[in-house]
Amino acid sequence: MTERGSGPPAARRGRPARYTPDDLLAVVAQVFLERGYDAASMADLARASGLTKSAFYHHVSGKEQLLRLAVNRALDALEGVFDEEASDDDAVVRLERVLRRTTEVLLAELPYVTLLLRLRGNTEVEREAVVRRRSFDTRLALVVREAMDDGRIRADLDPRLVTRLLFGMVNSVAEWYRPGATRDAASGAQVVHAVVELALDGLRADRGESDVRHENVHPPSRSGP
């Protein structure tokens, strides 16, 4: 199951649907998201794909292999974001690129990234995926620290905290974004632009003390709601 296709083809009348490996993986990811990995059975996966259970086993050895394929699709794409970094670029440029590209990957591979984000480390495959996912935090924190050292973004914040908040904003998109869900729904490009602009605007070192003072931001009252 290594090929990639554009989606499940329509079944011919009187004949079973023929899926590419990529089509089957898309069905599997959706079943895992709807039922949960632990609750989904091979019978559920075969039924959703329109195959018999024996035919399904002809393609894969079991659920664990399918989970690995699904989360690896997300992890490989996200790791590629960091691998395409140019080390000679300005740190802020690299930070902007990582934010933009990780959001683009999330939107392009939405079912697989969503599945990755829901893993809890209950199986060997999940634990391996969680370790790979955490490496993104380390790599982004290095870029954040470099931008702080260059004086390009605020240095009064913990780079590890900044990294978690940045990824938190990106990852939250998976919970609510549904392309074309409504007529006035934001496009993928609009989501990417908003994530990058909001993140970098809050981190800029050149906002100035006067700007901060005039924001008139106060901590919430202890006695208030």
Protein backbone atom coordinates (compact mmCIF):
# COMPACT_ATOMS: atom_id res chain seq x y z
CA MET A 1 0.00 0.00 0.00
CA THR A 2 2.37 2.68 -1.20
CA GLU A 3 0.65 4.21 -4.24
CA ARG A 4 -1.31 7.41 -4.09
CA GLY A 5 -4.52 8.13 -5.90
CA SER A 6 -7.09 10.90 -6.05
CA GLY A 7 -9.93 8.95 -4.44
CA PRO A 8 -11.97 5.77 -4.61
CA PRO A 9 -13.11 5.08 -8.18
CA ALA A 10 -16.76 4.46 -8.92
CA ALA A 11 -17.73 0.80 -8.97
CA ARG A 12 -18.69 -0.68 -12.31
CA ARG A 13 -22.17 -2.17 -12.46
CA GLY A 14 -22.12 -5.84 -11.57
CA ARG A 15 -18.49 -5.77 -10.49
CA PRO A 16 -16.86 -4.92 -7.14
CA ALA A 17 -15.13 -1.57 -6.74
CA ARG A 18 -11.40 -1.64 -7.38
CA TYR A 19 -9.35 0.47 -5.05
CA THR A 20 -5.79 1.63 -5.23
CA PRO A 21 -3.79 1.17 -2.00
CA ASP A 22 -4.20 4.89 -1.37
CA ASP A 23 -7.98 4.65 -1.72
CA LEU A 24 -8.08 1.83 0.83
CA LEU A 25 -5.94 3.80 3.25
CA ALA A 26 -8.33 6.75 3.03
CA VAL A 27 -11.23 4.45 3.95
CA VAL A 28 -9.24 2.95 6.82
CA ALA A 29 -8.32 6.37 8.24
CA GLN A 30 -11.96 7.45 8.18
CA VAL A 31 -13.11 4.30 10.01
CA PHE A 32 -10.40 4.73 12.65
CA LEU A 33 -11.51 8.34 13.17
CA GLU A 34 -15.20 7.46 13.42
CA ARG A 35 -14.97 4.32 15.55
CA GLY A 36 -11.57 4.66 17.20
CA TYR A 37 -8.62 2.40 16.48
CA ASP A 38 -9.30 0.00 19.36
CA ALA A 39 -13.00 -0.37 18.55
CA ALA A 40 -12.64 -0.76 14.78
CA SER A 41 -12.40 -4.37 13.62
CA MET A 42 -11.02 -5.79 10.40
CA ALA A 43 -14.60 -6.68 9.53
CA ASP A 44 -15.55 -3.00 9.91
CA LEU A 45 -12.67 -1.96 7.67
CA ALA A 46 -13.50 -4.56 5.02
CA ARG A 47 -17.18 -3.61 5.07
CA ALA A 48 -16.40 0.10 4.67
CA SER A 49 -14.12 -0.63 1.71
CA GLY A 50 -16.66 -2.87 -0.01
CA LEU A 51 -14.34 -5.88 0.14
CA THR A 52 -14.77 -9.26 1.73
CA LYS A 53 -12.74 -9.85 4.86
CA SER A 54 -10.58 -12.42 3.09
CA ALA A 55 -9.96 -10.04 0.19
CA PHE A 56 -9.03 -7.31 2.65
CA TYR A 57 -6.49 -9.58 4.34
CA HIS A 58 -4.97 -10.15 0.90
CA HIS A 59 -3.78 -6.52 1.01
CA VAL A 60 -2.71 -6.18 4.65
CA SER A 61 -1.73 -8.31 7.63
CA GLY A 62 -3.86 -6.55 10.21
CA LYS A 63 -4.97 -3.32 11.89
CA GLU A 64 -1.54 -2.45 13.21
CA GLN A 65 -0.04 -2.36 9.73
CA LEU A 66 -2.88 -0.11 8.58
CA LEU A 67 -2.41 2.26 11.50
CA ARG A 68 1.32 2.46 10.79
CA LEU A 69 0.69 3.26 7.12
CA ALA A 70 -1.87 5.94 8.00
CA VAL A 71 0.16 7.78 10.64
CA ASN A 72 3.39 7.44 8.63
CA ARG A 73 1.71 9.29 5.79
CA ALA A 74 1.17 12.24 8.12
CA LEU A 75 4.55 11.97 9.83
CA ASP A 76 6.51 11.69 6.58
CA ALA A 77 4.82 14.79 5.20
CA LEU A 78 5.42 16.79 8.39
CA GLU A 79 9.05 15.70 8.64
CA GLY A 80 9.48 16.85 5.06
CA VAL A 81 8.59 20.38 6.18
CA PHE A 82 11.67 20.50 8.40
CA ASP A 83 13.85 18.69 5.88
CA GLU A 84 13.16 21.38 3.27
CA GLU A 85 14.43 24.10 5.63
CA ALA A 86 17.32 26.20 4.30
CA SER A 87 19.71 26.77 7.20
CA ASP A 88 21.13 29.93 5.64
CA ASP A 89 17.74 31.68 5.72
CA ASP A 90 16.78 34.21 8.37
CA ALA A 91 15.35 32.42 11.43
CA VAL A 92 12.05 34.31 11.17
CA VAL A 93 11.76 33.36 7.51
CA ARG A 94 12.30 29.74 8.48
CA LEU A 95 9.77 30.03 11.31
CA GLU A 96 7.20 31.49 8.92
CA ARG A 97 7.89 28.71 6.42
CA VAL A 98 7.48 25.97 9.02
CA LEU A 99 4.17 27.42 10.22
CA ARG A 100 2.89 27.84 6.69
CA ARG A 101 3.96 24.42 5.48
CA THR A 102 2.80 22.48 8.56
CA THR A 103 -0.64 24.08 8.20
CA GLU A 104 -0.67 23.26 4.49
CA VAL A 105 0.28 19.65 5.22
CA LEU A 106 -2.44 19.40 7.87
CA LEU A 107 -5.05 20.58 5.37
CA ALA A 108 -3.75 18.36 2.56
CA GLU A 109 -3.53 15.25 4.75
CA LEU A 110 -6.37 16.12 7.13
CA PRO A 111 -7.64 12.59 8.01
CA TYR A 112 -4.13 11.26 8.58
CA VAL A 113 -2.91 14.22 10.64
CA THR A 114 -6.12 14.14 12.69
CA LEU A 115 -5.56 10.45 13.37
CA LEU A 116 -1.96 11.18 14.39
CA LEU A 117 -3.08 13.88 16.82
CA ARG A 118 -5.51 11.49 18.52
CA LEU A 119 -2.95 8.79 19.29
CA ARG A 120 -2.43 8.04 22.97
CA GLY A 121 0.54 5.68 22.88
CA ASN A 122 -1.40 2.49 23.64
CA THR A 123 0.39 0.35 21.05
CA GLU A 124 3.94 0.09 19.75
CA VAL A 125 2.94 1.86 16.53
CA GLU A 126 1.35 4.69 18.51
CA ARG A 127 4.35 5.05 20.81
CA GLU A 128 6.73 5.24 17.86
CA ALA A 129 4.53 7.86 16.23
CA VAL A 130 4.34 9.95 19.41
CA VAL A 131 8.15 9.97 19.65
CA ARG A 132 8.45 11.14 16.04
CA ARG A 133 5.79 13.77 16.61
CA ARG A 134 7.58 15.14 19.68
CA SER A 135 10.74 15.60 17.63
CA PHE A 136 8.88 18.34 15.75
CA ASP A 137 8.63 20.30 19.00
CA THR A 138 12.39 20.06 19.50
CA ARG A 139 13.17 21.15 15.95
CA LEU A 140 10.76 24.08 15.99
CA ALA A 141 11.99 25.20 19.43
CA LEU A 142 15.50 25.50 17.97
CA VAL A 143 14.21 27.80 15.23
CA VAL A 144 12.26 29.85 17.78
CA ARG A 145 15.34 30.16 20.01
CA GLU A 146 17.47 31.28 17.07
CA ALA A 147 14.92 33.94 16.12
CA MET A 148 14.93 35.15 19.74
CA ASP A 149 18.73 35.28 19.82
CA ASP A 150 18.68 37.33 16.61
CA GLY A 151 16.31 39.81 18.25
CA ARG A 152 13.65 39.19 15.62
CA ILE A 153 10.95 37.88 17.95
CA ARG A 154 10.16 38.48 21.61
CA ALA A 155 12.73 37.01 23.96
CA ASP A 156 10.61 37.30 27.12
CA LEU A 157 8.88 33.97 26.46
CA ASP A 158 10.06 30.41 26.93
CA PRO A 159 10.81 29.00 23.45
CA ARG A 160 9.39 25.62 24.47
CA LEU A 161 6.14 27.27 25.55
CA VAL A 162 6.03 29.28 22.33
CA THR A 163 6.53 26.09 20.33
CA ARG A 164 3.68 24.31 22.09
CA LEU A 165 1.36 27.27 21.59
CA LEU A 166 2.26 27.55 17.91
CA PHE A 167 1.67 23.87 17.26
CA GLY A 168 -1.45 24.04 19.42
CA MET A 169 -2.91 26.68 17.11
CA VAL A 170 -1.97 24.71 13.99
CA ASN A 171 -3.26 21.41 15.37
CA SER A 172 -6.57 22.93 16.48
CA VAL A 173 -7.45 23.42 12.81
CA ALA A 174 -7.90 19.66 12.50
CA GLU A 175 -10.77 19.73 15.00
CA TRP A 176 -12.96 22.23 13.18
CA TYR A 177 -11.87 22.71 9.57
CA ARG A 178 -14.05 20.90 7.06
CA PRO A 179 -13.41 22.02 3.45
CA GLY A 180 -16.60 23.17 1.78
CA ALA A 181 -18.72 22.42 4.84
CA THR A 182 -20.66 25.65 4.35
CA ARG A 183 -20.91 28.17 1.57
CA ASP A 184 -19.05 30.83 3.56
CA ALA A 185 -16.43 28.47 5.03
CA ALA A 186 -12.85 29.73 4.96
CA SER A 187 -10.67 28.36 2.20
CA GLY A 188 -7.50 26.46 2.97
CA ALA A 189 -5.42 29.42 1.80
CA GLN A 190 -7.31 31.74 4.16
CA VAL A 191 -6.71 29.40 7.09
CA VAL A 192 -2.98 29.18 6.35
CA HIS A 193 -2.70 32.96 6.03
CA ALA A 194 -4.57 33.56 9.30
CA VAL A 195 -2.45 31.07 11.26
CA VAL A 196 0.83 32.59 10.05
CA GLU A 197 -0.25 36.20 10.51
CA LEU A 198 -1.71 35.74 13.99
CA ALA A 199 1.27 33.73 15.20
CA LEU A 200 3.98 36.03 13.90
CA ASP A 201 2.16 39.23 14.83
CA GLY A 202 2.09 38.15 18.47
CA LEU A 203 5.78 37.22 18.44
CA ARG A 204 7.28 40.24 16.70
CA ALA A 205 9.97 42.00 18.73
CA ASP A 206 9.31 45.36 17.05
CA ARG A 207 5.79 45.82 18.43
CA GLY A 208 7.17 48.45 20.79
CA GLU A 209 6.47 49.27 24.41
CA SER A 210 3.96 51.96 23.46
CA ASP A 211 1.92 49.44 21.47
CA VAL A 212 1.82 47.11 24.43
CA ARG A 213 0.80 49.88 26.83
CA HIS A 214 -2.04 51.04 24.59
CA GLU A 215 -3.45 47.55 24.27
CA ASN A 216 -4.73 48.04 27.84
CA VAL A 217 -4.63 44.31 28.49
CA HIS A 218 -5.22 43.37 32.13
CA PRO A 219 -5.28 40.00 33.85
CA PRO A 220 -8.80 38.73 34.62
CA SER A 221 -10.23 39.76 37.98
CA ARG A 222 -10.24 37.03 40.61
CA SER A 223 -13.77 38.03 41.62
CA GLY A 224 -15.11 38.29 38.10
CA PRO A 225 -16.83 35.54 36.08
